[in-house]
């Protein structure tokens, strides 16, 4: 939060949105699995796994606390 204030913002409010982000990733993974064959036909298996594995890695980092997601509200001085 300090870096936001140092950039000239005030009235800074921070919300941890990691739990919400985890739910979004889980939903997207389920959707991707549901259309896997269709996706692979239109694009490629390599593209499918690149996307899915990227989401899985973000999910792991988020669950372990290595990656956090936040929403920041502030006003400019």
Protein backbone atom coordinates (compact mmCIF):
# COMPACT_ATOMS: atom_id res chain seq x y z
CA UNK A 1 0.00 0.00 0.00
CA UNK A 2 2.91 2.33 0.68
CA UNK A 3 4.02 2.24 -2.96
CA UNK A 4 0.56 3.46 -3.99
CA UNK A 5 0.77 6.37 -1.57
CA UNK A 6 4.30 7.16 -2.75
CA UNK A 7 2.90 7.35 -6.30
CA UNK A 8 0.65 10.21 -5.17
CA UNK A 9 -2.54 8.42 -4.23
CA UNK A 10 -4.46 8.75 -0.97
CA UNK A 11 -7.52 7.20 0.66
CA UNK A 12 -6.11 3.83 -0.31
CA UNK A 13 -8.30 0.81 0.34
CA UNK A 14 -7.05 -2.71 -0.38
CA UNK A 15 -9.14 -5.86 -0.77
CA UNK A 16 -7.61 -9.34 -0.94
CA UNK A 17 -9.37 -11.07 -3.83
CA UNK A 18 -7.31 -14.26 -3.84
CA UNK A 19 -10.23 -16.52 -2.79
CA UNK A 20 -12.37 -15.09 -5.58
CA UNK A 21 -9.56 -15.56 -8.09
CA UNK A 22 -9.12 -19.20 -7.02
CA UNK A 23 -12.83 -19.82 -7.64
CA UNK A 24 -12.63 -18.18 -11.08
CA UNK A 25 -9.65 -20.34 -12.06
CA UNK A 26 -11.39 -23.51 -10.85
CA UNK A 27 -14.48 -22.62 -12.89
CA UNK A 28 -12.39 -21.91 -15.98
CA UNK A 29 -10.55 -25.22 -15.60
CA UNK A 30 -13.88 -27.07 -15.43
CA UNK A 31 -15.13 -25.25 -18.53
CA UNK A 32 -11.92 -25.99 -20.39
CA UNK A 33 -12.12 -29.68 -19.57
CA UNK A 34 -15.75 -29.74 -20.75
CA UNK A 35 -14.77 -28.42 -24.20
CA UNK A 36 -11.32 -29.98 -24.43
CA UNK A 37 -11.85 -31.96 -27.64
CA UNK A 38 -13.61 -29.08 -29.38
CA UNK A 39 -10.84 -26.68 -28.34
CA UNK A 40 -8.12 -29.03 -29.56
CA UNK A 41 -9.86 -29.45 -32.92
CA UNK A 42 -10.11 -25.70 -33.40
CA UNK A 43 -6.65 -24.84 -32.07
CA UNK A 44 -4.23 -27.54 -30.87
CA UNK A 45 -3.50 -29.85 -27.98
CA UNK A 46 -0.40 -27.79 -27.26
CA UNK A 47 -2.52 -24.61 -26.95
CA UNK A 48 -5.00 -26.36 -24.68
CA UNK A 49 -2.34 -27.61 -22.27
CA UNK A 50 -0.49 -24.28 -22.33
CA UNK A 51 -3.64 -22.53 -21.11
CA UNK A 52 -4.74 -25.20 -18.66
CA UNK A 53 -1.27 -25.69 -17.18
CA UNK A 54 -0.88 -21.93 -16.79
CA UNK A 55 -4.13 -21.80 -14.81
CA UNK A 56 -3.07 -24.76 -12.69
CA UNK A 57 0.25 -23.09 -11.88
CA UNK A 58 -1.55 -19.87 -10.87
CA UNK A 59 -3.92 -21.95 -8.75
CA UNK A 60 -1.01 -23.61 -6.94
CA UNK A 61 0.75 -20.29 -6.34
CA UNK A 62 -2.46 -18.69 -5.09
CA UNK A 63 -3.26 -21.55 -2.72
CA UNK A 64 0.25 -21.54 -1.28
CA UNK A 65 0.25 -17.77 -0.79
CA UNK A 66 3.06 -17.15 -3.29
CA UNK A 67 0.67 -15.22 -5.53
CA UNK A 68 -2.00 -12.93 -4.13
CA UNK A 69 -4.67 -11.00 -6.00
CA UNK A 70 -5.93 -7.67 -4.85
CA UNK A 71 -8.28 -4.86 -5.67
CA UNK A 72 -7.01 -1.38 -4.90
CA UNK A 73 -9.16 1.73 -4.55
CA UNK A 74 -7.53 5.15 -4.22
CA UNK A 75 -7.85 8.77 -5.16
CA UNK A 76 -5.17 10.93 -6.71
CA UNK A 77 -3.84 13.94 -4.76
